[in-house]
Amino acid sequence: MRLLTRSRYAVRAILDLAMNQDGRPIFIREIAEREGLSERYLENLFLQLKRAGILESSKGRGGGFRLARSPGSITLLEIVEAVEGKISLVECVADQSSCDKVSICAPHEVWKELAENVRDFLRQYTLEDLILLQKQKLEKVADY
């Protein structure tokens, strides 16, 4: 299993936003510069995150993006599924009608359980957990 680039970038960008917003909206341009990511690509990701209720935006002077909820209430699973769709690993788990052998296929049950385990794992981690982990990593770098 491999997460798409959009998931990795979405997590990096939303973590950057969470760590730098200080109560104010952040422009995508700022995040793109800090993270070395394409502004256009981030716009697309942030629109998906906004539709999922993870981010909110405002226009005009003082506008930009901010978290729609507290970091402790936003899971890594929500972020990933907002930009990739539901994690299913194989087509028959996402759409049982894609295979006429689902009802007699033993591996299907394994793929289904594996997908749920991945979803459960990602559900355990919140944006707040990532913020704390990032701060720890930055402290270690500063100590060297």
C-alpha atoms as a PDB file:
ATOM      1  CA  MET A   1       0.000   0.000   0.000  1.00  0.00           C
ATOM      2  CA  ARG A   2       1.203   3.458  -0.822  1.00  0.00           C
ATOM      3  CA  LEU A   3      -0.358   6.812  -0.020  1.00  0.00           C
ATOM      4  CA  LEU A   4      -0.595   9.194  -2.922  1.00  0.00           C
ATOM      5  CA  THR A   5       1.521  12.343  -3.089  1.00  0.00           C
ATOM      6  CA  ARG A   6      -1.614  14.408  -2.500  1.00  0.00           C
ATOM      7  CA  SER A   7      -2.021  12.823   0.963  1.00  0.00           C
ATOM      8  CA  ARG A   8       1.567  13.521   1.940  1.00  0.00           C
ATOM      9  CA  TYR A   9       1.351  17.110   0.699  1.00  0.00           C
ATOM     10  CA  ALA A  10      -2.040  17.677   2.337  1.00  0.00           C
ATOM     11  CA  VAL A  11      -0.734  16.472   5.698  1.00  0.00           C
ATOM     12  CA  ARG A  12       2.436  18.587   5.400  1.00  0.00           C
ATOM     13  CA  ALA A  13       0.483  21.676   4.387  1.00  0.00           C
ATOM     14  CA  ILE A  14      -2.209  21.395   7.046  1.00  0.00           C
ATOM     15  CA  LEU A  15       0.457  20.758   9.696  1.00  0.00           C
ATOM     16  CA  ASP A  16       2.282  23.885   8.532  1.00  0.00           C
ATOM     17  CA  LEU A  17      -0.964  25.860   8.676  1.00  0.00           C
ATOM     18  CA  ALA A  18      -1.780  24.576  12.167  1.00  0.00           C
ATOM     19  CA  MET A  19       1.670  25.448  13.473  1.00  0.00           C
ATOM     20  CA  ASN A  20       1.761  28.935  11.944  1.00  0.00           C
ATOM     21  CA  GLN A  21      -1.767  30.327  12.030  1.00  0.00           C
ATOM     22  CA  ASP A  22      -1.585  31.992  15.475  1.00  0.00           C
ATOM     23  CA  GLY A  23      -5.292  32.779  15.307  1.00  0.00           C
ATOM     24  CA  ARG A  24      -5.090  34.328  11.852  1.00  0.00           C
ATOM     25  CA  PRO A  25      -5.882  32.954   8.411  1.00  0.00           C
ATOM     26  CA  ILE A  26      -2.871  31.873   6.355  1.00  0.00           C
ATOM     27  CA  PHE A  27      -2.426  32.425   2.637  1.00  0.00           C
ATOM     28  CA  ILE A  28      -1.644  29.353   0.553  1.00  0.00           C
ATOM     29  CA  ARG A  29       1.331  31.242  -0.861  1.00  0.00           C
ATOM     30  CA  GLU A  30       2.983  31.308   2.591  1.00  0.00           C
ATOM     31  CA  ILE A  31       2.598  27.556   3.079  1.00  0.00           C
ATOM     32  CA  ALA A  32       3.729  26.805  -0.476  1.00  0.00           C
ATOM     33  CA  GLU A  33       6.911  28.817   0.079  1.00  0.00           C
ATOM     34  CA  ARG A  34       7.730  27.245   3.443  1.00  0.00           C
ATOM     35  CA  GLU A  35       7.005  23.703   2.262  1.00  0.00           C
ATOM     36  CA  GLY A  36       8.435  24.012  -1.248  1.00  0.00           C
ATOM     37  CA  LEU A  37       5.128  22.993  -2.830  1.00  0.00           C
ATOM     38  CA  SER A  38       3.182  24.287  -5.810  1.00  0.00           C
ATOM     39  CA  GLU A  39       0.658  26.974  -4.913  1.00  0.00           C
ATOM     40  CA  ARG A  40      -1.810  25.702  -7.533  1.00  0.00           C
ATOM     41  CA  TYR A  41      -1.533  22.152  -6.228  1.00  0.00           C
ATOM     42  CA  LEU A  42      -2.161  23.324  -2.657  1.00  0.00           C
ATOM     43  CA  GLU A  43      -5.209  25.335  -3.780  1.00  0.00           C
ATOM     44  CA  ASN A  44      -6.765  22.145  -5.088  1.00  0.00           C
ATOM     45  CA  LEU A  45      -5.940  20.222  -1.899  1.00  0.00           C
ATOM     46  CA  PHE A  46      -7.227  22.997   0.343  1.00  0.00           C
ATOM     47  CA  LEU A  47     -10.532  23.140  -1.536  1.00  0.00           C
ATOM     48  CA  GLN A  48     -10.951  19.413  -0.889  1.00  0.00           C
ATOM     49  CA  LEU A  49     -10.058  19.902   2.782  1.00  0.00           C
ATOM     50  CA  LYS A  50     -12.534  22.764   2.992  1.00  0.00           C
ATOM     51  CA  ARG A  51     -15.309  20.602   1.472  1.00  0.00           C
ATOM     52  CA  ALA A  52     -14.518  17.964   4.106  1.00  0.00           C
ATOM     53  CA  GLY A  53     -15.012  20.509   6.900  1.00  0.00           C
ATOM     54  CA  ILE A  54     -11.361  20.477   7.949  1.00  0.00           C
ATOM     55  CA  LEU A  55     -10.507  23.983   6.757  1.00  0.00           C
ATOM     56  CA  GLU A  56     -12.437  27.193   6.349  1.00  0.00           C
ATOM     57  CA  SER A  57     -11.522  30.195   4.260  1.00  0.00           C
ATOM     58  CA  SER A  58     -12.164  33.895   4.035  1.00  0.00           C
ATOM     59  CA  LYS A  59     -11.515  36.274   1.158  1.00  0.00           C
ATOM     60  CA  GLY A  60     -10.114  39.746   0.992  1.00  0.00           C
ATOM     61  CA  ARG A  61      -7.723  41.559   3.272  1.00  0.00           C
ATOM     62  CA  GLY A  62      -6.955  39.377   6.254  1.00  0.00           C
ATOM     63  CA  GLY A  63      -8.285  36.376   4.368  1.00  0.00           C
ATOM     64  CA  GLY A  64      -6.833  32.967   3.823  1.00  0.00           C
ATOM     65  CA  PHE A  65      -7.309  29.528   5.309  1.00  0.00           C
ATOM     66  CA  ARG A  66      -7.603  28.354   8.891  1.00  0.00           C
ATOM     67  CA  LEU A  67      -8.568  25.165  10.665  1.00  0.00           C
ATOM     68  CA  ALA A  68     -12.332  24.710  10.914  1.00  0.00           C
ATOM     69  CA  ARG A  69     -11.938  22.725  14.144  1.00  0.00           C
ATOM     70  CA  SER A  70      -9.394  22.190  16.877  1.00  0.00           C
ATOM     71  CA  PRO A  71      -6.298  20.174  15.930  1.00  0.00           C
ATOM     72  CA  GLY A  72      -7.270  17.511  18.463  1.00  0.00           C
ATOM     73  CA  SER A  73     -10.498  16.800  16.615  1.00  0.00           C
ATOM     74  CA  ILE A  74      -8.973  16.394  13.133  1.00  0.00           C
ATOM     75  CA  THR A  75      -7.671  12.896  12.448  1.00  0.00           C
ATOM     76  CA  LEU A  76      -5.042  11.850   9.981  1.00  0.00           C
ATOM     77  CA  LEU A  77      -7.673   9.562   8.456  1.00  0.00           C
ATOM     78  CA  GLU A  78      -9.950  12.553   7.750  1.00  0.00           C
ATOM     79  CA  ILE A  79      -7.154  14.423   5.998  1.00  0.00           C
ATOM     80  CA  VAL A  80      -6.121  11.442   3.864  1.00  0.00           C
ATOM     81  CA  GLU A  81      -9.672  10.496   2.918  1.00  0.00           C
ATOM     82  CA  ALA A  82     -10.551  14.127   2.143  1.00  0.00           C
ATOM     83  CA  VAL A  83      -7.977  14.169  -0.653  1.00  0.00           C
ATOM     84  CA  GLU A  84      -7.908  10.495  -1.723  1.00  0.00           C
ATOM     85  CA  GLY A  85     -11.358   9.150  -0.945  1.00  0.00           C
ATOM     86  CA  LYS A  86     -12.079   6.218   1.324  1.00  0.00           C
ATOM     87  CA  ILE A  87      -9.093   3.956   1.864  1.00  0.00           C
ATOM     88  CA  SER A  88      -9.927   0.562   0.436  1.00  0.00           C
ATOM     89  CA  LEU A  89      -6.618  -0.828  -0.954  1.00  0.00           C
ATOM     90  CA  VAL A  90      -8.348  -2.842  -3.704  1.00  0.00           C
ATOM     91  CA  GLU A  91     -11.286  -2.003  -5.952  1.00  0.00           C
ATOM     92  CA  CYS A  92     -13.576  -4.766  -4.672  1.00  0.00           C
ATOM     93  CA  VAL A  93     -13.447  -3.344  -1.133  1.00  0.00           C
ATOM     94  CA  ALA A  94     -14.441   0.117  -2.324  1.00  0.00           C
ATOM     95  CA  ASP A  95     -17.077  -1.176  -4.737  1.00  0.00           C
ATOM     96  CA  GLN A  96     -18.256  -4.750  -4.326  1.00  0.00           C
ATOM     97  CA  SER A  97     -20.115  -4.568  -7.630  1.00  0.00           C
ATOM     98  CA  SER A  98     -16.731  -4.280  -9.399  1.00  0.00           C
ATOM     99  CA  CYS A  99     -16.190  -8.029  -8.997  1.00  0.00           C
ATOM    100  CA  ASP A 100     -18.681 -10.839  -9.405  1.00  0.00           C
ATOM    101  CA  LYS A 101     -16.632 -13.144  -7.144  1.00  0.00           C
ATOM    102  CA  VAL A 102     -16.778 -11.055  -3.939  1.00  0.00           C
ATOM    103  CA  SER A 103     -19.249 -13.368  -2.223  1.00  0.00           C
ATOM    104  CA  ILE A 104     -17.029 -16.441  -2.770  1.00  0.00           C
ATOM    105  CA  CYS A 105     -13.599 -14.792  -2.548  1.00  0.00           C
ATOM    106  CA  ALA A 106     -11.597 -15.460   0.627  1.00  0.00           C
ATOM    107  CA  PRO A 107      -8.888 -12.833  -0.153  1.00  0.00           C
ATOM    108  CA  HIS A 108     -11.624 -10.181  -0.328  1.00  0.00           C
ATOM    109  CA  GLU A 109     -12.196 -10.598   3.414  1.00  0.00           C
ATOM    110  CA  VAL A 110      -8.468 -10.184   4.073  1.00  0.00           C
ATOM    111  CA  TRP A 111      -8.265  -7.004   1.933  1.00  0.00           C
ATOM    112  CA  LYS A 112     -11.360  -5.639   3.673  1.00  0.00           C
ATOM    113  CA  GLU A 113      -9.896  -6.281   7.136  1.00  0.00           C
ATOM    114  CA  LEU A 114      -6.535  -4.822   6.129  1.00  0.00           C
ATOM    115  CA  ALA A 115      -8.203  -1.636   4.861  1.00  0.00           C
ATOM    116  CA  GLU A 116     -10.105  -1.286   8.146  1.00  0.00           C
ATOM    117  CA  ASN A 117      -6.888  -1.779  10.130  1.00  0.00           C
ATOM    118  CA  VAL A 118      -5.179   0.965   8.103  1.00  0.00           C
ATOM    119  CA  ARG A 119      -8.191   3.239   8.619  1.00  0.00           C
ATOM    120  CA  ASP A 120      -8.203   2.493  12.379  1.00  0.00           C
ATOM    121  CA  PHE A 121      -4.471   3.223  12.600  1.00  0.00           C
ATOM    122  CA  LEU A 122      -4.808   6.590  10.830  1.00  0.00           C
ATOM    123  CA  ARG A 123      -7.877   7.412  12.942  1.00  0.00           C
ATOM    124  CA  GLN A 124      -5.727   7.141  16.110  1.00  0.00           C
ATOM    125  CA  TYR A 125      -3.579  10.132  15.160  1.00  0.00           C
ATOM    126  CA  THR A 126      -4.826  13.700  15.291  1.00  0.00           C
ATOM    127  CA  LEU A 127      -3.364  16.883  13.917  1.00  0.00           C
ATOM    128  CA  GLU A 128      -2.562  17.792  17.517  1.00  0.00           C
ATOM    129  CA  ASP A 129      -0.432  14.625  17.788  1.00  0.00           C
ATOM    130  CA  LEU A 130       1.450  15.635  14.638  1.00  0.00           C
ATOM    131  CA  ILE A 131       2.007  19.162  15.988  1.00  0.00           C
ATOM    132  CA  LEU A 132       3.548  17.749  19.174  1.00  0.00           C
ATOM    133  CA  LEU A 133       5.704  15.321  17.212  1.00  0.00           C
ATOM    134  CA  GLN A 134       6.858  18.096  14.853  1.00  0.00           C
ATOM    135  CA  LYS A 135       7.795  20.332  17.793  1.00  0.00           C
ATOM    136  CA  GLN A 136       9.820  17.491  19.314  1.00  0.00           C
ATOM    137  CA  LYS A 137      11.658  16.962  16.034  1.00  0.00           C
ATOM    138  CA  LEU A 138      12.377  20.685  15.696  1.00  0.00           C
ATOM    139  CA  GLU A 139      13.696  20.813  19.282  1.00  0.00           C
ATOM    140  CA  LYS A 140      16.081  17.929  18.535  1.00  0.00           C
ATOM    141  CA  VAL A 141      17.386  19.725  15.452  1.00  0.00           C
ATOM    142  CA  ALA A 142      17.862  22.937  17.467  1.00  0.00           C
ATOM    143  CA  ASP A 143      19.843  21.026  20.108  1.00  0.00           C
ATOM    144  CA  TYR A 144      22.488  19.950  17.574  1.00  0.00           C
END
